[in-house]
Amino acid sequence: MITLRKSAERGHANHGWLDTHHTFSFADYFDPEYMNFRSLRVINEDWVSGGKGFDLHPHKDMEIVTYIVSGALEHKDSMGSHAVMRAGEVQRISAGTGIRHSEYNAAADKSVHLLQIWILPDQKGVKPDYAQQSFSNIESGKLYLIASKQGRDGSISIHQDADVYVARLKNGEVIEHRLEPGRGGWIQLIEGKLDVNGHALKPGDGAAIEEMEQVRLSATQDAHFLLFDLK
């Protein structure tokens, strides 16, 4: 079964410096039908204006994965981490017992486009940790594992049995992904157009996949997306 989550149906807020869309309930946006999907708690698609950003704020007991689509984002936190993330880079914060961090657009003259993802951890109270890795040079036609429970195949480790992939497909390219029994999938389309087992997705659309063994992903226009394989 595939359930589409259309881009226009997401929660939306425009604060002037921040244009944000919420796939799941977040902040002032609440929809009891979209609290989470399995361990996937938040997918926020943000555009942050030049020089603007999020002041120092706390997190606890959450796996926070940030994927930069375009532009650059400067990060500082209470663990002493300080970095600038650019297009194609992935950041993971295991908030655990508690961290504070800030995020600002590192450029003054253009926006930064990012996806911030929250994944519920499989254990609470872990020691906070930070990791960052670039996936900017990926080839089209393949799924690249960017986060996983054991950090396998060069991915970043997270405290949850969840595999997060990124992919780019050229128009006409097709890839398939197998979901093991009992697992579910979520597709989040960032750019282009994608067909998921006969369902058409446009930018910002998501698709929940349940009780299906094989997922067929076909680009009907050059596509850029994330795939979550969840317990």
C-alpha atoms as a PDB file:
ATOM      1  CA  MET A   1       0.000   0.000   0.000  1.00  0.00           C
ATOM      2  CA  ILE A   2       1.251   3.462  -0.916  1.00  0.00           C
ATOM      3  CA  THR A   3      -0.149   6.623   0.680  1.00  0.00           C
ATOM      4  CA  LEU A   4       0.817   9.943  -0.856  1.00  0.00           C
ATOM      5  CA  ARG A   5       1.573  13.000   1.236  1.00  0.00           C
ATOM      6  CA  LYS A   6       1.186  15.869  -1.214  1.00  0.00           C
ATOM      7  CA  SER A   7       3.482  18.871  -0.901  1.00  0.00           C
ATOM      8  CA  ALA A   8       0.602  21.356  -0.774  1.00  0.00           C
ATOM      9  CA  GLU A   9      -1.028  19.459   2.105  1.00  0.00           C
ATOM     10  CA  ARG A  10       1.982  19.838   4.397  1.00  0.00           C
ATOM     11  CA  GLY A  11       2.061  22.317   7.234  1.00  0.00           C
ATOM     12  CA  HIS A  12       3.506  25.646   6.129  1.00  0.00           C
ATOM     13  CA  ALA A  13       4.826  28.770   7.806  1.00  0.00           C
ATOM     14  CA  ASN A  14       6.590  31.797   6.346  1.00  0.00           C
ATOM     15  CA  HIS A  15       8.405  33.900   8.938  1.00  0.00           C
ATOM     16  CA  GLY A  16      10.027  36.188   6.381  1.00  0.00           C
ATOM     17  CA  TRP A  17      13.540  34.904   6.995  1.00  0.00           C
ATOM     18  CA  LEU A  18      12.319  31.269   7.095  1.00  0.00           C
ATOM     19  CA  ASP A  19       9.985  29.541   4.654  1.00  0.00           C
ATOM     20  CA  THR A  20       9.249  26.095   6.059  1.00  0.00           C
ATOM     21  CA  HIS A  21       7.091  23.087   5.186  1.00  0.00           C
ATOM     22  CA  HIS A  22       6.288  20.356   7.721  1.00  0.00           C
ATOM     23  CA  THR A  23       5.532  16.816   6.541  1.00  0.00           C
ATOM     24  CA  PHE A  24       4.613  15.835  10.104  1.00  0.00           C
ATOM     25  CA  SER A  25       3.194  17.780  13.058  1.00  0.00           C
ATOM     26  CA  PHE A  26       5.739  20.315  14.266  1.00  0.00           C
ATOM     27  CA  ALA A  27       5.719  23.557  16.289  1.00  0.00           C
ATOM     28  CA  ASP A  28       2.373  25.316  15.686  1.00  0.00           C
ATOM     29  CA  TYR A  29       1.328  22.816  13.000  1.00  0.00           C
ATOM     30  CA  PHE A  30      -0.666  19.860  14.325  1.00  0.00           C
ATOM     31  CA  ASP A  31      -2.330  17.081  12.350  1.00  0.00           C
ATOM     32  CA  PRO A  32      -3.186  13.928  14.343  1.00  0.00           C
ATOM     33  CA  GLU A  33      -2.996  11.871  11.146  1.00  0.00           C
ATOM     34  CA  TYR A  34       0.589  12.978  10.531  1.00  0.00           C
ATOM     35  CA  MET A  35       2.439  12.745  13.825  1.00  0.00           C
ATOM     36  CA  ASN A  36       5.135  10.438  12.468  1.00  0.00           C
ATOM     37  CA  PHE A  37       5.742   7.437  10.250  1.00  0.00           C
ATOM     38  CA  ARG A  38       7.237   4.626  12.301  1.00  0.00           C
ATOM     39  CA  SER A  39      10.441   6.098  13.821  1.00  0.00           C
ATOM     40  CA  LEU A  40      10.450   9.007  11.353  1.00  0.00           C
ATOM     41  CA  ARG A  41       9.191  11.941  13.423  1.00  0.00           C
ATOM     42  CA  VAL A  42      10.028  15.111  11.436  1.00  0.00           C
ATOM     43  CA  ILE A  43      10.767  16.104   7.857  1.00  0.00           C
ATOM     44  CA  ASN A  44      11.005  19.884   7.614  1.00  0.00           C
ATOM     45  CA  GLU A  45      11.923  21.427   4.283  1.00  0.00           C
ATOM     46  CA  ASP A  46      13.397  24.868   4.977  1.00  0.00           C
ATOM     47  CA  TRP A  47      14.560  27.857   2.973  1.00  0.00           C
ATOM     48  CA  VAL A  48      16.552  30.236   5.196  1.00  0.00           C
ATOM     49  CA  SER A  49      17.351  33.762   3.996  1.00  0.00           C
ATOM     50  CA  GLY A  50      20.908  35.050   3.737  1.00  0.00           C
ATOM     51  CA  GLY A  51      22.552  35.728   7.092  1.00  0.00           C
ATOM     52  CA  LYS A  52      19.519  34.498   9.041  1.00  0.00           C
ATOM     53  CA  GLY A  53      18.985  31.381  11.088  1.00  0.00           C
ATOM     54  CA  PHE A  54      18.038  29.601  14.288  1.00  0.00           C
ATOM     55  CA  ASP A  55      19.455  30.971  17.543  1.00  0.00           C
ATOM     56  CA  LEU A  56      20.880  28.668  20.213  1.00  0.00           C
ATOM     57  CA  HIS A  57      18.175  26.177  21.230  1.00  0.00           C
ATOM     58  CA  PRO A  58      18.042  22.798  23.019  1.00  0.00           C
ATOM     59  CA  HIS A  59      17.386  19.216  21.891  1.00  0.00           C
ATOM     60  CA  LYS A  60      17.204  15.966  23.826  1.00  0.00           C
ATOM     61  CA  ASP A  61      16.805  12.265  22.976  1.00  0.00           C
ATOM     62  CA  MET A  62      16.506  12.644  19.218  1.00  0.00           C
ATOM     63  CA  GLU A  63      18.541  11.694  16.158  1.00  0.00           C
ATOM     64  CA  ILE A  64      18.677  14.864  14.042  1.00  0.00           C
ATOM     65  CA  VAL A  65      19.790  14.471  10.429  1.00  0.00           C
ATOM     66  CA  THR A  66      20.225  17.561   8.241  1.00  0.00           C
ATOM     67  CA  TYR A  67      20.648  17.333   4.468  1.00  0.00           C
ATOM     68  CA  ILE A  68      21.748  20.418   2.528  1.00  0.00           C
ATOM     69  CA  VAL A  69      20.145  20.775  -0.896  1.00  0.00           C
ATOM     70  CA  SER A  70      21.751  24.089  -1.877  1.00  0.00           C
ATOM     71  CA  GLY A  71      23.625  26.916  -0.199  1.00  0.00           C
ATOM     72  CA  ALA A  72      25.601  26.685   3.047  1.00  0.00           C
ATOM     73  CA  LEU A  73      24.578  26.315   6.694  1.00  0.00           C
ATOM     74  CA  GLU A  74      26.799  27.207   9.647  1.00  0.00           C
ATOM     75  CA  HIS A  75      26.442  25.035  12.758  1.00  0.00           C
ATOM     76  CA  LYS A  76      27.658  25.614  16.333  1.00  0.00           C
ATOM     77  CA  ASP A  77      26.804  23.529  19.397  1.00  0.00           C
ATOM     78  CA  SER A  78      27.468  22.984  23.084  1.00  0.00           C
ATOM     79  CA  MET A  79      29.709  19.990  22.272  1.00  0.00           C
ATOM     80  CA  GLY A  80      32.212  22.375  20.705  1.00  0.00           C
ATOM     81  CA  SER A  81      31.350  21.458  17.105  1.00  0.00           C
ATOM     82  CA  HIS A  82      31.591  24.265  14.559  1.00  0.00           C
ATOM     83  CA  ALA A  83      31.165  23.570  10.867  1.00  0.00           C
ATOM     84  CA  VAL A  84      29.763  24.882   7.615  1.00  0.00           C
ATOM     85  CA  MET A  85      27.709  22.394   5.627  1.00  0.00           C
ATOM     86  CA  ARG A  86      27.303  22.748   1.876  1.00  0.00           C
ATOM     87  CA  ALA A  87      25.155  21.137  -0.811  1.00  0.00           C
ATOM     88  CA  GLY A  88      25.175  17.348  -0.591  1.00  0.00           C
ATOM     89  CA  GLU A  89      26.481  17.253   2.971  1.00  0.00           C
ATOM     90  CA  VAL A  90      24.787  15.357   5.779  1.00  0.00           C
ATOM     91  CA  GLN A  91      24.969  16.191   9.466  1.00  0.00           C
ATOM     92  CA  ARG A  92      23.849  13.948  12.319  1.00  0.00           C
ATOM     93  CA  ILE A  93      23.368  15.077  15.896  1.00  0.00           C
ATOM     94  CA  SER A  94      22.602  12.437  18.513  1.00  0.00           C
ATOM     95  CA  ALA A  95      21.058  14.772  21.081  1.00  0.00           C
ATOM     96  CA  GLY A  96      20.901  12.138  23.832  1.00  0.00           C
ATOM     97  CA  THR A  97      21.158  13.637  27.313  1.00  0.00           C
ATOM     98  CA  GLY A  98      20.919  17.119  25.823  1.00  0.00           C
ATOM     99  CA  ILE A  99      22.652  19.602  23.526  1.00  0.00           C
ATOM    100  CA  ARG A 100      22.205  23.210  22.471  1.00  0.00           C
ATOM    101  CA  HIS A 101      22.982  24.377  18.961  1.00  0.00           C
ATOM    102  CA  SER A 102      22.486  27.200  16.480  1.00  0.00           C
ATOM    103  CA  GLU A 103      22.138  27.091  12.695  1.00  0.00           C
ATOM    104  CA  TYR A 104      22.667  30.076  10.408  1.00  0.00           C
ATOM    105  CA  ASN A 105      22.819  30.664   6.694  1.00  0.00           C
ATOM    106  CA  ALA A 106      26.541  31.040   6.060  1.00  0.00           C
ATOM    107  CA  ALA A 107      25.965  33.355   3.075  1.00  0.00           C
ATOM    108  CA  ALA A 108      24.624  36.893   3.259  1.00  0.00           C
ATOM    109  CA  ASP A 109      23.281  37.123  -0.276  1.00  0.00           C
ATOM    110  CA  LYS A 110      21.437  33.851  -1.008  1.00  0.00           C
ATOM    111  CA  SER A 111      19.168  31.386   0.733  1.00  0.00           C
ATOM    112  CA  VAL A 112      20.072  27.919   1.973  1.00  0.00           C
ATOM    113  CA  HIS A 113      17.701  25.041   1.168  1.00  0.00           C
ATOM    114  CA  LEU A 114      17.758  22.093   3.546  1.00  0.00           C
ATOM    115  CA  LEU A 115      15.823  19.162   4.942  1.00  0.00           C
ATOM    116  CA  GLN A 116      15.927  18.621   8.675  1.00  0.00           C
ATOM    117  CA  ILE A 117      14.905  15.135   9.749  1.00  0.00           C
ATOM    118  CA  TRP A 118      14.202  13.859  13.238  1.00  0.00           C
ATOM    119  CA  ILE A 119      14.326  10.119  13.925  1.00  0.00           C
ATOM    120  CA  LEU A 120      13.166   8.727  17.256  1.00  0.00           C
ATOM    121  CA  PRO A 121      16.098   6.917  18.917  1.00  0.00           C
ATOM    122  CA  ASP A 122      15.940   3.303  20.063  1.00  0.00           C
ATOM    123  CA  GLN A 123      17.553   4.284  23.373  1.00  0.00           C
ATOM    124  CA  LYS A 124      17.412   7.395  25.513  1.00  0.00           C
ATOM    125  CA  GLY A 125      20.101   9.115  27.510  1.00  0.00           C
ATOM    126  CA  VAL A 126      23.024   8.407  25.163  1.00  0.00           C
ATOM    127  CA  LYS A 127      26.103  10.595  25.165  1.00  0.00           C
ATOM    128  CA  PRO A 128      25.588  13.457  22.681  1.00  0.00           C
ATOM    129  CA  ASP A 129      27.553  13.111  19.468  1.00  0.00           C
ATOM    130  CA  TYR A 130      28.120  14.944  16.179  1.00  0.00           C
ATOM    131  CA  ALA A 131      29.009  13.672  12.706  1.00  0.00           C
ATOM    132  CA  GLN A 132      29.186  15.220   9.250  1.00  0.00           C
ATOM    133  CA  GLN A 133      29.871  13.729   5.838  1.00  0.00           C
ATOM    134  CA  SER A 134      29.665  14.773   2.189  1.00  0.00           C
ATOM    135  CA  PHE A 135      27.609  12.927  -0.425  1.00  0.00           C
ATOM    136  CA  SER A 136      27.908  15.657  -3.032  1.00  0.00           C
ATOM    137  CA  ASN A 137      29.558  13.547  -5.731  1.00  0.00           C
ATOM    138  CA  ILE A 138      27.029  10.742  -6.031  1.00  0.00           C
ATOM    139  CA  GLU A 139      26.380   9.143  -9.418  1.00  0.00           C
ATOM    140  CA  SER A 140      22.911   8.976 -10.871  1.00  0.00           C
ATOM    141  CA  GLY A 141      21.010   5.697 -10.905  1.00  0.00           C
ATOM    142  CA  LYS A 142      22.082   4.459  -7.456  1.00  0.00           C
ATOM    143  CA  LEU A 143      20.854   4.570  -3.885  1.00  0.00           C
ATOM    144  CA  TYR A 144      23.516   5.869  -1.490  1.00  0.00           C
ATOM    145  CA  LEU A 145      23.219   4.950   2.173  1.00  0.00           C
ATOM    146  CA  ILE A 146      23.800   8.106   4.230  1.00  0.00           C
ATOM    147  CA  ALA A 147      22.693   6.941   7.711  1.00  0.00           C
ATOM    148  CA  SER A 148      22.156   3.549   9.342  1.00  0.00           C
ATOM    149  CA  LYS A 149      22.120   1.779  12.697  1.00  0.00           C
ATOM    150  CA  GLN A 150      25.665   0.434  12.404  1.00  0.00           C
ATOM    151  CA  GLY A 151      27.069   3.117  10.117  1.00  0.00           C
ATOM    152  CA  ARG A 152      27.636   0.467   7.468  1.00  0.00           C
ATOM    153  CA  ASP A 153      28.907   1.010   3.922  1.00  0.00           C
ATOM    154  CA  GLY A 154      30.435   4.358   4.829  1.00  0.00           C
ATOM    155  CA  SER A 155      27.222   5.872   6.183  1.00  0.00           C
ATOM    156  CA  ILE A 156      26.787   7.873   9.396  1.00  0.00           C
ATOM    157  CA  SER A 157      25.651   5.845  12.409  1.00  0.00           C
ATOM    158  CA  ILE A 158      22.356   6.592  14.160  1.00  0.00           C
ATOM    159  CA  HIS A 159      20.651   5.200  17.256  1.00  0.00           C
ATOM    160  CA  GLN A 160      17.785   3.512  15.409  1.00  0.00           C
ATOM    161  CA  ASP A 161      17.205   0.612  13.018  1.00  0.00           C
ATOM    162  CA  ALA A 162      16.598   2.957  10.114  1.00  0.00           C
ATOM    163  CA  ASP A 163      18.375   3.209   6.780  1.00  0.00           C
ATOM    164  CA  VAL A 164      18.395   6.600   5.059  1.00  0.00           C
ATOM    165  CA  TYR A 165      19.348   6.793   1.385  1.00  0.00           C
ATOM    166  CA  VAL A 166      19.833   9.632  -1.095  1.00  0.00           C
ATOM    167  CA  ALA A 167      19.607   9.248  -4.847  1.00  0.00           C
ATOM    168  CA  ARG A 168      19.593  11.159  -8.085  1.00  0.00           C
ATOM    169  CA  LEU A 169      17.964   9.680 -11.189  1.00  0.00           C
ATOM    170  CA  LYS A 170      18.131  11.009 -14.704  1.00  0.00           C
ATOM    171  CA  ASN A 171      14.930  11.090 -16.712  1.00  0.00           C
ATOM    172  CA  GLY A 172      14.049   7.501 -17.615  1.00  0.00           C
ATOM    173  CA  GLU A 173      16.334   5.848 -15.064  1.00  0.00           C
ATOM    174  CA  VAL A 174      14.840   3.209 -12.771  1.00  0.00           C
ATOM    175  CA  ILE A 175      16.024   1.675  -9.525  1.00  0.00           C
ATOM    176  CA  GLU A 176      14.375  -0.879  -7.258  1.00  0.00           C
ATOM    177  CA  HIS A 177      14.567  -1.311  -3.505  1.00  0.00           C
ATOM    178  CA  ARG A 178      13.448  -4.328  -1.492  1.00  0.00           C
ATOM    179  CA  LEU A 179      11.770  -3.888   1.873  1.00  0.00           C
ATOM    180  CA  GLU A 180      12.233  -6.787   4.270  1.00  0.00           C
ATOM    181  CA  PRO A 181       9.066  -8.254   5.868  1.00  0.00           C
ATOM    182  CA  GLY A 182       7.737  -6.008   8.620  1.00  0.00           C
ATOM    183  CA  ARG A 183       9.552  -2.893   7.404  1.00  0.00           C
ATOM    184  CA  GLY A 184       8.095   0.230   5.819  1.00  0.00           C
ATOM    185  CA  GLY A 185       9.416   2.890   3.511  1.00  0.00           C
ATOM    186  CA  TRP A 186       9.076   6.623   3.023  1.00  0.00           C
ATOM    187  CA  ILE A 187      10.073   8.513  -0.121  1.00  0.00           C
ATOM    188  CA  GLN A 188      10.628  12.284   0.068  1.00  0.00           C
ATOM    189  CA  LEU A 189      11.039  13.910  -3.327  1.00  0.00           C
ATOM    190  CA  ILE A 190      13.241  17.010  -3.301  1.00  0.00           C
ATOM    191  CA  GLU A 191      13.527  17.875  -6.986  1.00  0.00           C
ATOM    192  CA  GLY A 192      12.147  16.600 -10.288  1.00  0.00           C
ATOM    193  CA  LYS A 193       9.406  14.046 -10.900  1.00  0.00           C
ATOM    194  CA  LEU A 194       9.298  10.444  -9.718  1.00  0.00           C
ATOM    195  CA  ASP A 195       7.008   7.477 -10.230  1.00  0.00           C
ATOM    196  CA  VAL A 196       6.769   5.153  -7.205  1.00  0.00           C
ATOM    197  CA  ASN A 197       5.049   1.892  -8.135  1.00  0.00           C
ATOM    198  CA  GLY A 198       2.676   3.769 -10.426  1.00  0.00           C
ATOM    199  CA  HIS A 199       2.169   6.801  -8.155  1.00  0.00           C
ATOM    200  CA  ALA A 200       3.397  10.157  -9.485  1.00  0.00           C
ATOM    201  CA  LEU A 201       5.367  12.436  -7.138  1.00  0.00           C
ATOM    202  CA  LYS A 202       6.262  16.094  -7.599  1.00  0.00           C
ATOM    203  CA  PRO A 203       8.772  18.161  -5.565  1.00  0.00           C
ATOM    204  CA  GLY A 204       7.872  18.202  -1.873  1.00  0.00           C
ATOM    205  CA  ASP A 205       5.644  15.130  -2.140  1.00  0.00           C
ATOM    206  CA  GLY A 206       6.152  12.173   0.157  1.00  0.00           C
ATOM    207  CA  ALA A 207       5.005   8.569  -0.095  1.00  0.00           C
ATOM    208  CA  ALA A 208       4.461   6.099   2.761  1.00  0.00           C
ATOM    209  CA  ILE A 209       4.994   2.480   1.765  1.00  0.00           C
ATOM    210  CA  GLU A 210       3.545  -0.364   3.827  1.00  0.00           C
ATOM    211  CA  GLU A 211       3.130  -4.115   3.254  1.00  0.00           C
ATOM    212  CA  MET A 212       5.057  -4.062  -0.011  1.00  0.00           C
ATOM    213  CA  GLU A 213       8.182  -6.044  -0.769  1.00  0.00           C
ATOM    214  CA  GLN A 214       9.481  -4.251  -3.835  1.00  0.00           C
ATOM    215  CA  VAL A 215       9.631  -0.515  -4.505  1.00  0.00           C
ATOM    216  CA  ARG A 216      10.157   0.621  -8.081  1.00  0.00           C
ATOM    217  CA  LEU A 217      11.418   4.188  -8.506  1.00  0.00           C
ATOM    218  CA  SER A 218      11.301   5.644 -12.006  1.00  0.00           C
ATOM    219  CA  ALA A 219      12.290   9.215 -12.883  1.00  0.00           C
ATOM    220  CA  THR A 220       9.902  10.935 -15.289  1.00  0.00           C
ATOM    221  CA  GLN A 221      12.101  14.034 -14.991  1.00  0.00           C
ATOM    222  CA  ASP A 222      15.590  14.287 -13.450  1.00  0.00           C
ATOM    223  CA  ALA A 223      14.884  13.477  -9.791  1.00  0.00           C
ATOM    224  CA  HIS A 224      16.568  13.972  -6.403  1.00  0.00           C
ATOM    225  CA  PHE A 225      15.086  12.261  -3.358  1.00  0.00           C
ATOM    226  CA  LEU A 226      15.537  10.575   0.014  1.00  0.00           C
ATOM    227  CA  LEU A 227      14.386   7.046   0.810  1.00  0.00           C
ATOM    228  CA  PHE A 228      13.828   5.839   4.401  1.00  0.00           C
ATOM    229  CA  ASP A 229      13.760   2.087   5.159  1.00  0.00           C
ATOM    230  CA  LEU A 230      12.255   1.777   8.627  1.00  0.00           C
ATOM    231  CA  LYS A 231      11.622  -0.949  11.175  1.00  0.00           C
END
